Amino acid sequence: MSKYLLLGGYSPEAWTRMMETPGDREAAVRKSCQDAGGSMEAFYWAFGADDYVLIADFPDDVSAGAFSVGLASSGALHDVRTIKLITKEEGQALLDKGKAVAAGYQKPGA
């Protein structure tokens, strides 16, 4: 499983519905993660440009994308973003490969 960070905002209509009929958004999001084959690690509301922050595990990019598209298609969210997170070990492997690429890269005009 890979870890993903999901960010976004609620529409004004969604905020109105949540104020009028409060519910357990965390439970709803957890179920949707499971429906996409994933599991939710953490769910937070946030101040600023994003209204929510979610960390979840999904078996692959397609499942993570399906989760995002499924929720975004409801119209209750906006600016939905899905970011694949990498481990420290994956980051080191990335740097090692990047070093090899940089060594052989020819700059424009060189």
PDB file of N, CA and C in Angstrom:
ATOM      1  N   MET A   1       0.845  -1.180   0.000  1.00  0.00           N
ATOM      2  CA  MET A   1       0.000   0.000   0.000  1.00  0.00           C
ATOM      3  C   MET A   1       0.886   1.237   0.000  1.00  0.00           C
ATOM      4  N   SER A   2       0.427   2.254  -0.690  1.00  0.00           N
ATOM      5  CA  SER A   2       1.117   3.538  -0.706  1.00  0.00           C
ATOM      6  C   SER A   2       0.299   4.557   0.069  1.00  0.00           C
ATOM      7  N   LYS A   3       0.982   5.553   0.568  1.00  0.00           N
ATOM      8  CA  LYS A   3       0.352   6.587   1.383  1.00  0.00           C
ATOM      9  C   LYS A   3       0.097   7.820   0.519  1.00  0.00           C
ATOM     10  N   TYR A   4      -1.052   8.459   0.737  1.00  0.00           N
ATOM     11  CA  TYR A   4      -1.461   9.636  -0.024  1.00  0.00           C
ATOM     12  C   TYR A   4      -1.956  10.729   0.916  1.00  0.00           C
ATOM     13  N   LEU A   5      -1.687  11.960   0.529  1.00  0.00           N
ATOM     14  CA  LEU A   5      -2.214  13.143   1.203  1.00  0.00           C
ATOM     15  C   LEU A   5      -3.290  13.712   0.293  1.00  0.00           C
ATOM     16  N   LEU A   6      -4.471  13.920   0.842  1.00  0.00           N
ATOM     17  CA  LEU A   6      -5.576  14.477   0.061  1.00  0.00           C
ATOM     18  C   LEU A   6      -6.024  15.767   0.723  1.00  0.00           C
ATOM     19  N   LEU A   7      -6.177  16.787  -0.093  1.00  0.00           N
ATOM     20  CA  LEU A   7      -6.539  18.126   0.382  1.00  0.00           C
ATOM     21  C   LEU A   7      -7.668  18.671  -0.466  1.00  0.00           C
ATOM     22  N   GLY A   8      -8.411  19.601   0.092  1.00  0.00           N
ATOM     23  CA  GLY A   8      -9.457  20.260  -0.687  1.00  0.00           C
ATOM     24  C   GLY A   8     -10.363  21.088   0.196  1.00  0.00           C
ATOM     25  N   GLY A   9     -11.425  21.559  -0.416  1.00  0.00           N
ATOM     26  CA  GLY A   9     -12.368  22.404   0.300  1.00  0.00           C
ATOM     27  C   GLY A   9     -13.796  21.940   0.098  1.00  0.00           C
ATOM     28  N   TYR A  10     -14.652  22.375   0.989  1.00  0.00           N
ATOM     29  CA  TYR A  10     -16.090  22.111   0.877  1.00  0.00           C
ATOM     30  C   TYR A  10     -16.760  23.258   0.146  1.00  0.00           C
ATOM     31  N   SER A  11     -17.791  22.954  -0.618  1.00  0.00           N
ATOM     32  CA  SER A  11     -18.576  23.993  -1.291  1.00  0.00           C
ATOM     33  C   SER A  11     -19.411  24.730  -0.252  1.00  0.00           C
ATOM     34  N   PRO A  12     -19.851  25.955  -0.558  1.00  0.00           N
ATOM     35  CA  PRO A  12     -20.734  26.661   0.382  1.00  0.00           C
ATOM     36  C   PRO A  12     -21.988  25.850   0.705  1.00  0.00           C
ATOM     37  N   GLU A  13     -22.523  25.162  -0.291  1.00  0.00           N
ATOM     38  CA  GLU A  13     -23.717  24.345  -0.058  1.00  0.00           C
ATOM     39  C   GLU A  13     -23.428  23.207   0.920  1.00  0.00           C
ATOM     40  N   ALA A  14     -22.235  22.610   0.811  1.00  0.00           N
ATOM     41  CA  ALA A  14     -21.875  21.523   1.729  1.00  0.00           C
ATOM     42  C   ALA A  14     -21.755  22.040   3.156  1.00  0.00           C
ATOM     43  N   TRP A  15     -21.126  23.222   3.330  1.00  0.00           N
ATOM     44  CA  TRP A  15     -21.032  23.807   4.669  1.00  0.00           C
ATOM     45  C   TRP A  15     -22.422  24.051   5.248  1.00  0.00           C
ATOM     46  N   THR A  16     -23.328  24.571   4.427  1.00  0.00           N
ATOM     47  CA  THR A  16     -24.697  24.829   4.888  1.00  0.00           C
ATOM     48  C   THR A  16     -25.363  23.533   5.335  1.00  0.00           C
ATOM     49  N   ARG A  17     -25.244  22.489   4.523  1.00  0.00           N
ATOM     50  CA  ARG A  17     -25.859  21.197   4.884  1.00  0.00           C
ATOM     51  C   ARG A  17     -25.243  20.635   6.164  1.00  0.00           C
ATOM     52  N   MET A  18     -23.924  20.772   6.324  1.00  0.00           N
ATOM     53  CA  MET A  18     -23.281  20.238   7.527  1.00  0.00           C
ATOM     54  C   MET A  18     -23.699  21.010   8.773  1.00  0.00           C
ATOM     55  N   MET A  19     -23.915  22.333   8.646  1.00  0.00           N
ATOM     56  CA  MET A  19     -24.367  23.113   9.803  1.00  0.00           C
ATOM     57  C   MET A  19     -25.811  22.761  10.160  1.00  0.00           C
ATOM     58  N   GLU A  20     -26.641  22.553   9.144  1.00  0.00           N
ATOM     59  CA  GLU A  20     -28.047  22.240   9.390  1.00  0.00           C
ATOM     60  C   GLU A  20     -28.233  20.823   9.911  1.00  0.00           C
ATOM     61  N   THR A  21     -27.439  19.889   9.376  1.00  0.00           N
ATOM     62  CA  THR A  21     -27.555  18.491   9.770  1.00  0.00           C
ATOM     63  C   THR A  21     -26.163  17.933  10.011  1.00  0.00           C
ATOM     64  N   PRO A  22     -25.604  18.204  11.202  1.00  0.00           N
ATOM     65  CA  PRO A  22     -24.256  17.697  11.490  1.00  0.00           C
ATOM     66  C   PRO A  22     -24.227  16.169  11.419  1.00  0.00           C
ATOM     67  N   GLY A  23     -23.149  15.671  10.914  1.00  0.00           N
ATOM     68  CA  GLY A  23     -22.976  14.225  10.830  1.00  0.00           C
ATOM     69  C   GLY A  23     -21.507  13.900  11.041  1.00  0.00           C
ATOM     70  N   ASP A  24     -21.201  12.655  11.020  1.00  0.00           N
ATOM     71  CA  ASP A  24     -19.831  12.211  11.227  1.00  0.00           C
ATOM     72  C   ASP A  24     -19.132  12.118   9.872  1.00  0.00           C
ATOM     73  N   ARG A  25     -18.507  13.208   9.446  1.00  0.00           N
ATOM     74  CA  ARG A  25     -17.822  13.231   8.146  1.00  0.00           C
ATOM     75  C   ARG A  25     -16.666  12.239   8.126  1.00  0.00           C
ATOM     76  N   GLU A  26     -16.016  12.060   9.254  1.00  0.00           N
ATOM     77  CA  GLU A  26     -14.894  11.126   9.304  1.00  0.00           C
ATOM     78  C   GLU A  26     -15.357   9.713   8.957  1.00  0.00           C
ATOM     79  N   ALA A  27     -16.491   9.304   9.484  1.00  0.00           N
ATOM     80  CA  ALA A  27     -17.015   7.963   9.188  1.00  0.00           C
ATOM     81  C   ALA A  27     -17.368   7.831   7.709  1.00  0.00           C
ATOM     82  N   ALA A  28     -17.945   8.878   7.133  1.00  0.00           N
ATOM     83  CA  ALA A  28     -18.307   8.846   5.717  1.00  0.00           C
ATOM     84  C   ALA A  28     -17.070   8.743   4.838  1.00  0.00           C
ATOM     85  N   VAL A  29     -16.029   9.504   5.189  1.00  0.00           N
ATOM     86  CA  VAL A  29     -14.784   9.475   4.414  1.00  0.00           C
ATOM     87  C   VAL A  29     -14.095   8.119   4.584  1.00  0.00           C
ATOM     88  N   ARG A  30     -14.085   7.588   5.797  1.00  0.00           N
ATOM     89  CA  ARG A  30     -13.475   6.282   6.059  1.00  0.00           C
ATOM     90  C   ARG A  30     -14.125   5.207   5.183  1.00  0.00           C
ATOM     91  N   LYS A  31     -15.457   5.221   5.117  1.00  0.00           N
ATOM     92  CA  LYS A  31     -16.179   4.242   4.298  1.00  0.00           C
ATOM     93  C   LYS A  31     -15.820   4.391   2.825  1.00  0.00           C
ATOM     94  N   SER A  32     -15.737   5.635   2.345  1.00  0.00           N
ATOM     95  CA  SER A  32     -15.380   5.856   0.945  1.00  0.00           C
ATOM     96  C   SER A  32     -13.969   5.372   0.648  1.00  0.00           C
ATOM     97  N   CYS A  33     -13.050   5.554   1.590  1.00  0.00           N
ATOM     98  CA  CYS A  33     -11.685   5.018   1.425  1.00  0.00           C
ATOM     99  C   CYS A  33     -11.741   3.500   1.273  1.00  0.00           C
ATOM    100  N   GLN A  34     -12.508   2.867   2.130  1.00  0.00           N
ATOM    101  CA  GLN A  34     -12.628   1.414   2.080  1.00  0.00           C
ATOM    102  C   GLN A  34     -13.271   0.961   0.772  1.00  0.00           C
ATOM    103  N   ASP A  35     -14.259   1.719   0.290  1.00  0.00           N
ATOM    104  CA  ASP A  35     -14.917   1.385  -0.973  1.00  0.00           C
ATOM    105  C   ASP A  35     -13.931   1.419  -2.140  1.00  0.00           C
ATOM    106  N   ALA A  36     -12.897   2.245  -2.022  1.00  0.00           N
ATOM    107  CA  ALA A  36     -11.871   2.345  -3.073  1.00  0.00           C
ATOM    108  C   ALA A  36     -10.714   1.380  -2.824  1.00  0.00           C
ATOM    109  N   GLY A  37     -10.810   0.571  -1.781  1.00  0.00           N
ATOM    110  CA  GLY A  37      -9.764  -0.408  -1.489  1.00  0.00           C
ATOM    111  C   GLY A  37      -8.689   0.104  -0.550  1.00  0.00           C
ATOM    112  N   GLY A  38      -8.927   1.264   0.064  1.00  0.00           N
ATOM    113  CA  GLY A  38      -7.924   1.867   0.931  1.00  0.00           C
ATOM    114  C   GLY A  38      -8.337   1.893   2.383  1.00  0.00           C
ATOM    115  N   SER A  39      -7.517   2.581   3.167  1.00  0.00           N
ATOM    116  CA  SER A  39      -7.830   2.768   4.579  1.00  0.00           C
ATOM    117  C   SER A  39      -7.385   4.170   4.998  1.00  0.00           C
ATOM    118  N   MET A  40      -8.196   4.803   5.821  1.00  0.00           N
ATOM    119  CA  MET A  40      -7.915   6.157   6.280  1.00  0.00           C
ATOM    120  C   MET A  40      -7.034   6.105   7.521  1.00  0.00           C
ATOM    121  N   GLU A  41      -5.976   6.895   7.501  1.00  0.00           N
ATOM    122  CA  GLU A  41      -5.100   6.996   8.665  1.00  0.00           C
ATOM    123  C   GLU A  41      -5.497   8.176   9.536  1.00  0.00           C
ATOM    124  N   ALA A  42      -5.766   9.328   8.909  1.00  0.00           N
ATOM    125  CA  ALA A  42      -6.097  10.533   9.677  1.00  0.00           C
ATOM    126  C   ALA A  42      -6.974  11.450   8.832  1.00  0.00           C
ATOM    127  N   PHE A  43      -7.881  12.148   9.509  1.00  0.00           N
ATOM    128  CA  PHE A  43      -8.762  13.116   8.855  1.00  0.00           C
ATOM    129  C   PHE A  43      -8.850  14.343   9.754  1.00  0.00           C
ATOM    130  N   TYR A  44      -8.558  15.515   9.184  1.00  0.00           N
ATOM    131  CA  TYR A  44      -8.617  16.761   9.940  1.00  0.00           C
ATOM    132  C   TYR A  44      -9.345  17.822   9.135  1.00  0.00           C
ATOM    133  N   TRP A  45     -10.029  18.707   9.828  1.00  0.00           N
ATOM    134  CA  TRP A  45     -10.488  19.940   9.208  1.00  0.00           C
ATOM    135  C   TRP A  45      -9.366  20.943   9.398  1.00  0.00           C
ATOM    136  N   ALA A  46      -9.313  21.954   8.522  1.00  0.00           N
ATOM    137  CA  ALA A  46      -8.192  22.882   8.559  1.00  0.00           C
ATOM    138  C   ALA A  46      -8.657  24.303   8.274  1.00  0.00           C
ATOM    139  N   PHE A  47      -7.887  25.263   8.737  1.00  0.00           N
ATOM    140  CA  PHE A  47      -8.098  26.664   8.393  1.00  0.00           C
ATOM    141  C   PHE A  47      -7.267  26.968   7.153  1.00  0.00           C
ATOM    142  N   GLY A  48      -7.668  27.980   6.404  1.00  0.00           N
ATOM    143  CA  GLY A  48      -6.866  28.401   5.266  1.00  0.00           C
ATOM    144  C   GLY A  48      -7.476  27.971   3.951  1.00  0.00           C
ATOM    145  N   ALA A  49      -6.620  27.790   2.958  1.00  0.00           N
ATOM    146  CA  ALA A  49      -7.080  27.460   1.607  1.00  0.00           C
ATOM    147  C   ALA A  49      -7.751  26.089   1.549  1.00  0.00           C
ATOM    148  N   ASP A  50      -7.374  25.181   2.434  1.00  0.00           N
ATOM    149  CA  ASP A  50      -7.957  23.843   2.465  1.00  0.00           C
ATOM    150  C   ASP A  50      -8.838  23.683   3.693  1.00  0.00           C
ATOM    151  N   ASP A  51      -9.976  23.045   3.474  1.00  0.00           N
ATOM    152  CA  ASP A  51     -10.913  22.798   4.571  1.00  0.00           C
ATOM    153  C   ASP A  51     -10.679  21.457   5.241  1.00  0.00           C
ATOM    154  N   TYR A  52     -10.048  20.531   4.526  1.00  0.00           N
ATOM    155  CA  TYR A  52      -9.784  19.222   5.104  1.00  0.00           C
ATOM    156  C   TYR A  52      -8.421  18.709   4.657  1.00  0.00           C
ATOM    157  N   VAL A  53      -7.858  17.849   5.482  1.00  0.00           N
ATOM    158  CA  VAL A  53      -6.604  17.157   5.210  1.00  0.00           C
ATOM    159  C   VAL A  53      -6.845  15.692   5.547  1.00  0.00           C
ATOM    160  N   LEU A  54      -6.498  14.828   4.628  1.00  0.00           N
ATOM    161  CA  LEU A  54      -6.715  13.400   4.807  1.00  0.00           C
ATOM    162  C   LEU A  54      -5.426  12.664   4.465  1.00  0.00           C
ATOM    163  N   ILE A  55      -5.052  11.721   5.292  1.00  0.00           N
ATOM    164  CA  ILE A  55      -3.943  10.827   4.982  1.00  0.00           C
ATOM    165  C   ILE A  55      -4.536   9.425   4.908  1.00  0.00           C
ATOM    166  N   ALA A  56      -4.267   8.766   3.780  1.00  0.00           N
ATOM    167  CA  ALA A  56      -4.856   7.446   3.565  1.00  0.00           C
ATOM    168  C   ALA A  56      -3.880   6.548   2.832  1.00  0.00           C
ATOM    169  N   ASP A  57      -4.089   5.252   2.983  1.00  0.00           N
ATOM    170  CA  ASP A  57      -3.323   4.246   2.259  1.00  0.00           C
ATOM    171  C   ASP A  57      -4.232   3.653   1.184  1.00  0.00           C
ATOM    172  N   PHE A  58      -3.663   3.515  -0.036  1.00  0.00           N
ATOM    173  CA  PHE A  58      -4.373   2.870  -1.133  1.00  0.00           C
ATOM    174  C   PHE A  58      -3.423   1.881  -1.794  1.00  0.00           C
ATOM    175  N   PRO A  59      -3.961   0.826  -2.381  1.00  0.00           N
ATOM    176  CA  PRO A  59      -3.098  -0.182  -2.990  1.00  0.00           C
ATOM    177  C   PRO A  59      -2.357   0.313  -4.232  1.00  0.00           C
ATOM    178  N   ASP A  60      -2.890   1.346  -4.898  1.00  0.00           N
ATOM    179  CA  ASP A  60      -2.255   1.830  -6.114  1.00  0.00           C
ATOM    180  C   ASP A  60      -2.810   3.203  -6.470  1.00  0.00           C
ATOM    181  N   ASP A  61      -2.193   3.831  -7.478  1.00  0.00           N
ATOM    182  CA  ASP A  61      -2.612   5.168  -7.905  1.00  0.00           C
ATOM    183  C   ASP A  61      -4.036   5.187  -8.451  1.00  0.00           C
ATOM    184  N   VAL A  62      -4.435   4.115  -9.121  1.00  0.00           N
ATOM    185  CA  VAL A  62      -5.789   4.049  -9.679  1.00  0.00           C
ATOM    186  C   VAL A  62      -6.824   4.100  -8.552  1.00  0.00           C
ATOM    187  N   SER A  63      -6.582   3.367  -7.490  1.00  0.00           N
ATOM    188  CA  SER A  63      -7.521   3.369  -6.354  1.00  0.00           C
ATOM    189  C   SER A  63      -7.576   4.737  -5.682  1.00  0.00           C
ATOM    190  N   ALA A  64      -6.413   5.357  -5.496  1.00  0.00           N
ATOM    191  CA  ALA A  64      -6.375   6.700  -4.900  1.00  0.00           C
ATOM    192  C   ALA A  64      -7.091   7.699  -5.800  1.00  0.00           C
ATOM    193  N   GLY A  65      -6.857   7.595  -7.096  1.00  0.00           N
ATOM    194  CA  GLY A  65      -7.527   8.481  -8.046  1.00  0.00           C
ATOM    195  C   GLY A  65      -9.028   8.263  -8.067  1.00  0.00           C
ATOM    196  N   ALA A  66      -9.448   7.010  -7.997  1.00  0.00           N
ATOM    197  CA  ALA A  66     -10.883   6.699  -7.979  1.00  0.00           C
ATOM    198  C   ALA A  66     -11.552   7.307  -6.758  1.00  0.00           C
ATOM    199  N   PHE A  67     -10.872   7.231  -5.614  1.00  0.00           N
ATOM    200  CA  PHE A  67     -11.394   7.843  -4.393  1.00  0.00           C
ATOM    201  C   PHE A  67     -11.584   9.345  -4.595  1.00  0.00           C
ATOM    202  N   SER A  68     -10.555  10.013  -5.100  1.00  0.00           N
ATOM    203  CA  SER A  68     -10.629  11.471  -5.311  1.00  0.00           C
ATOM    204  C   SER A  68     -11.714  11.847  -6.303  1.00  0.00           C
ATOM    205  N   VAL A  69     -11.756  11.155  -7.421  1.00  0.00           N
ATOM    206  CA  VAL A  69     -12.750  11.450  -8.451  1.00  0.00           C
ATOM    207  C   VAL A  69     -14.160  11.174  -7.929  1.00  0.00           C
ATOM    208  N   GLY A  70     -14.302  10.070  -7.202  1.00  0.00           N
ATOM    209  CA  GLY A  70     -15.612   9.735  -6.653  1.00  0.00           C
ATOM    210  C   GLY A  70     -16.140  10.809  -5.719  1.00  0.00           C
ATOM    211  N   LEU A  71     -15.282  11.314  -4.834  1.00  0.00           N
ATOM    212  CA  LEU A  71     -15.710  12.363  -3.911  1.00  0.00           C
ATOM    213  C   LEU A  71     -15.908  13.690  -4.629  1.00  0.00           C
ATOM    214  N   ALA A  72     -14.987  14.036  -5.530  1.00  0.00           N
ATOM    215  CA  ALA A  72     -15.098  15.315  -6.242  1.00  0.00           C
ATOM    216  C   ALA A  72     -16.351  15.366  -7.100  1.00  0.00           C
ATOM    217  N   SER A  73     -16.774  14.217  -7.628  1.00  0.00           N
ATOM    218  CA  SER A  73     -17.945  14.198  -8.503  1.00  0.00           C
ATOM    219  C   SER A  73     -19.242  14.511  -7.759  1.00  0.00           C
ATOM    220  N   SER A  74     -19.193  14.487  -6.429  1.00  0.00           N
ATOM    221  CA  SER A  74     -20.401  14.775  -5.641  1.00  0.00           C
ATOM    222  C   SER A  74     -20.811  16.236  -5.739  1.00  0.00           C
ATOM    223  N   GLY A  75     -19.863  17.110  -6.099  1.00  0.00           N
ATOM    224  CA  GLY A  75     -20.146  18.543  -6.138  1.00  0.00           C
ATOM    225  C   GLY A  75     -20.020  19.214  -4.781  1.00  0.00           C
ATOM    226  N   ALA A  76     -19.786  18.438  -3.726  1.00  0.00           N
ATOM    227  CA  ALA A  76     -19.685  18.999  -2.378  1.00  0.00           C
ATOM    228  C   ALA A  76     -18.284  19.517  -2.069  1.00  0.00           C
ATOM    229  N   LEU A  77     -17.315  19.190  -2.936  1.00  0.00           N
ATOM    230  CA  LEU A  77     -15.924  19.553  -2.693  1.00  0.00           C
ATOM    231  C   LEU A  77     -15.387  20.386  -3.855  1.00  0.00           C
ATOM    232  N   HIS A  78     -14.321  21.126  -3.577  1.00  0.00           N
ATOM    233  CA  HIS A  78     -13.626  21.848  -4.643  1.00  0.00           C
ATOM    234  C   HIS A  78     -12.128  21.790  -4.380  1.00  0.00           C
ATOM    235  N   ASP A  79     -11.356  22.036  -5.411  1.00  0.00           N
ATOM    236  CA  ASP A  79      -9.887  22.032  -5.315  1.00  0.00           C
ATOM    237  C   ASP A  79      -9.346  20.746  -4.692  1.00  0.00           C
ATOM    238  N   VAL A  80      -9.918  19.628  -5.081  1.00  0.00           N
ATOM    239  CA  VAL A  80      -9.488  18.330  -4.565  1.00  0.00           C
ATOM    240  C   VAL A  80      -8.116  17.998  -5.158  1.00  0.00           C
ATOM    241  N   ARG A  81      -7.172  17.692  -4.279  1.00  0.00           N
ATOM    242  CA  ARG A  81      -5.826  17.339  -4.714  1.00  0.00           C
ATOM    243  C   ARG A  81      -5.383  16.063  -4.020  1.00  0.00           C
ATOM    244  N   THR A  82      -4.726  15.210  -4.779  1.00  0.00           N
ATOM    245  CA  THR A  82      -4.217  13.949  -4.264  1.00  0.00           C
ATOM    246  C   THR A  82      -2.717  13.927  -4.490  1.00  0.00           C
ATOM    247  N   ILE A  83      -1.966  13.747  -3.435  1.00  0.00           N
ATOM    248  CA  ILE A  83      -0.505  13.789  -3.497  1.00  0.00           C
ATOM    249  C   ILE A  83       0.029  12.463  -2.972  1.00  0.00           C
ATOM    250  N   LYS A  84       0.798  11.776  -3.811  1.00  0.00           N
ATOM    251  CA  LYS A  84       1.401  10.517  -3.373  1.00  0.00           C
ATOM    252  C   LYS A  84       2.596  10.846  -2.483  1.00  0.00           C
ATOM    253  N   LEU A  85       2.634  10.250  -1.318  1.00  0.00           N
ATOM    254  CA  LEU A  85       3.728  10.466  -0.379  1.00  0.00           C
ATOM    255  C   LEU A  85       4.777   9.370  -0.563  1.00  0.00           C
ATOM    256  N   ILE A  86       6.026   9.720  -0.294  1.00  0.00           N
ATOM    257  CA  ILE A  86       7.086   8.728  -0.429  1.00  0.00           C
ATOM    258  C   ILE A  86       7.803   8.576   0.909  1.00  0.00           C
ATOM    259  N   THR A  87       8.287   7.395   1.152  1.00  0.00           N
ATOM    260  CA  THR A  87       9.008   7.112   2.390  1.00  0.00           C
ATOM    261  C   THR A  87      10.423   7.675   2.307  1.00  0.00           C
ATOM    262  N   LYS A  88      11.103   7.675   3.435  1.00  0.00           N
ATOM    263  CA  LYS A  88      12.495   8.109   3.482  1.00  0.00           C
ATOM    264  C   LYS A  88      13.348   7.240   2.555  1.00  0.00           C
ATOM    265  N   GLU A  89      13.090   5.942   2.571  1.00  0.00           N
ATOM    266  CA  GLU A  89      13.855   5.009   1.728  1.00  0.00           C
ATOM    267  C   GLU A  89      13.589   5.274   0.248  1.00  0.00           C
ATOM    268  N   GLU A  90      12.341   5.505  -0.102  1.00  0.00           N
ATOM    269  CA  GLU A  90      12.012   5.833  -1.494  1.00  0.00           C
ATOM    270  C   GLU A  90      12.654   7.153  -1.897  1.00  0.00           C
ATOM    271  N   GLY A  91      12.690   8.099  -0.974  1.00  0.00           N
ATOM    272  CA  GLY A  91      13.321   9.385  -1.238  1.00  0.00           C
ATOM    273  C   GLY A  91      14.802   9.229  -1.518  1.00  0.00           C
ATOM    274  N   GLN A  92      15.476   8.368  -0.761  1.00  0.00           N
ATOM    275  CA  GLN A  92      16.898   8.136  -0.999  1.00  0.00           C
ATOM    276  C   GLN A  92      17.127   7.484  -2.354  1.00  0.00           C
ATOM    277  N   ALA A  93      16.275   6.502  -2.711  1.00  0.00           N
ATOM    278  CA  ALA A  93      16.388   5.862  -4.028  1.00  0.00           C
ATOM    279  C   ALA A  93      16.159   6.883  -5.140  1.00  0.00           C
ATOM    280  N   LEU A  94      15.214   7.795  -4.926  1.00  0.00           N
ATOM    281  CA  LEU A  94      14.946   8.858  -5.885  1.00  0.00           C
ATOM    282  C   LEU A  94      16.176   9.739  -6.067  1.00  0.00           C
ATOM    283  N   LEU A  95      16.810  10.116  -4.970  1.00  0.00           N
ATOM    284  CA  LEU A  95      18.011  10.957  -5.047  1.00  0.00           C
ATOM    285  C   LEU A  95      19.155  10.229  -5.751  1.00  0.00           C
ATOM    286  N   ASP A  96      19.309   8.939  -5.466  1.00  0.00           N
ATOM    287  CA  ASP A  96      20.363   8.164  -6.114  1.00  0.00           C
ATOM    288  C   ASP A  96      20.158   8.106  -7.626  1.00  0.00           C
ATOM    289  N   LYS A  97      18.924   7.855  -8.053  1.00  0.00           N
ATOM    290  CA  LYS A  97      18.636   7.828  -9.489  1.00  0.00           C
ATOM    291  C   LYS A  97      18.781   9.216 -10.095  1.00  0.00           C
ATOM    292  N   GLY A  98      18.323  10.223  -9.355  1.00  0.00           N
ATOM    293  CA  GLY A  98      18.443  11.598  -9.830  1.00  0.00           C
ATOM    294  C   GLY A  98      19.888  11.996 -10.054  1.00  0.00           C
ATOM    295  N   LYS A  99      20.768  11.536  -9.183  1.00  0.00           N
ATOM    296  CA  LYS A  99      22.195  11.832  -9.318  1.00  0.00           C
ATOM    297  C   LYS A  99      22.735  11.233 -10.616  1.00  0.00           C
ATOM    298  N   ALA A 100      22.328  10.003 -10.927  1.00  0.00           N
ATOM    299  CA  ALA A 100      22.769   9.353 -12.158  1.00  0.00           C
ATOM    300  C   ALA A 100      22.230  10.090 -13.390  1.00  0.00           C
ATOM    301  N   VAL A 101      20.994  10.511 -13.330  1.00  0.00           N
ATOM    302  CA  VAL A 101      20.403  11.266 -14.442  1.00  0.00           C
ATOM    303  C   VAL A 101      21.123  12.590 -14.623  1.00  0.00           C
ATOM    304  N   ALA A 102      21.370  13.298 -13.520  1.00  0.00           N
ATOM    305  CA  ALA A 102      22.031  14.607 -13.589  1.00  0.00           C
ATOM    306  C   ALA A 102      23.432  14.496 -14.180  1.00  0.00           C
ATOM    307  N   ALA A 103      24.124  13.392 -13.879  1.00  0.00           N
ATOM    308  CA  ALA A 103      25.487  13.207 -14.386  1.00  0.00           C
ATOM    309  C   ALA A 103      25.514  13.079 -15.901  1.00  0.00           C
ATOM    310  N   GLY A 104      24.479  12.525 -16.488  1.00  0.00           N
ATOM    311  CA  GLY A 104      24.439  12.330 -17.938  1.00  0.00           C
ATOM    312  C   GLY A 104      23.635  13.357 -18.702  1.00  0.00           C
ATOM    313  N   TYR A 105      22.987  14.280 -18.001  1.00  0.00           N
ATOM    314  CA  TYR A 105      22.115  15.253 -18.663  1.00  0.00           C
ATOM    315  C   TYR A 105      22.942  16.342 -19.329  1.00  0.00           C
ATOM    316  N   GLN A 106      22.595  16.636 -20.568  1.00  0.00           N
ATOM    317  CA  GLN A 106      23.257  17.710 -21.301  1.00  0.00           C
ATOM    318  C   GLN A 106      22.348  18.940 -21.260  1.00  0.00           C
ATOM    319  N   LYS A 107      22.855  20.026 -20.672  1.00  0.00           N
ATOM    320  CA  LYS A 107      22.088  21.271 -20.554  1.00  0.00           C
ATOM    321  C   LYS A 107      21.851  21.874 -21.935  1.00  0.00           C
ATOM    322  N   PRO A 108      20.769  22.618 -22.099  1.00  0.00           N
ATOM    323  CA  PRO A 108      20.532  23.292 -23.364  1.00  0.00           C
ATOM    324  C   PRO A 108      21.719  24.218 -23.695  1.00  0.00           C
ATOM    325  N   GLY A 109      22.158  24.157 -24.920  1.00  0.00           N
ATOM    326  CA  GLY A 109      23.240  25.022 -25.372  1.00  0.00           C
ATOM    327  C   GLY A 109      24.627  24.543 -24.983  1.00  0.00           C
ATOM    328  N   ALA A 110      24.707  23.408 -24.318  1.00  0.00           N
ATOM    329  CA  ALA A 110      26.031  22.916 -23.878  1.00  0.00           C
ATOM    330  C   ALA A 110      26.706  22.129 -24.988  1.00  0.00           C
TER     331      ALA A 110
END
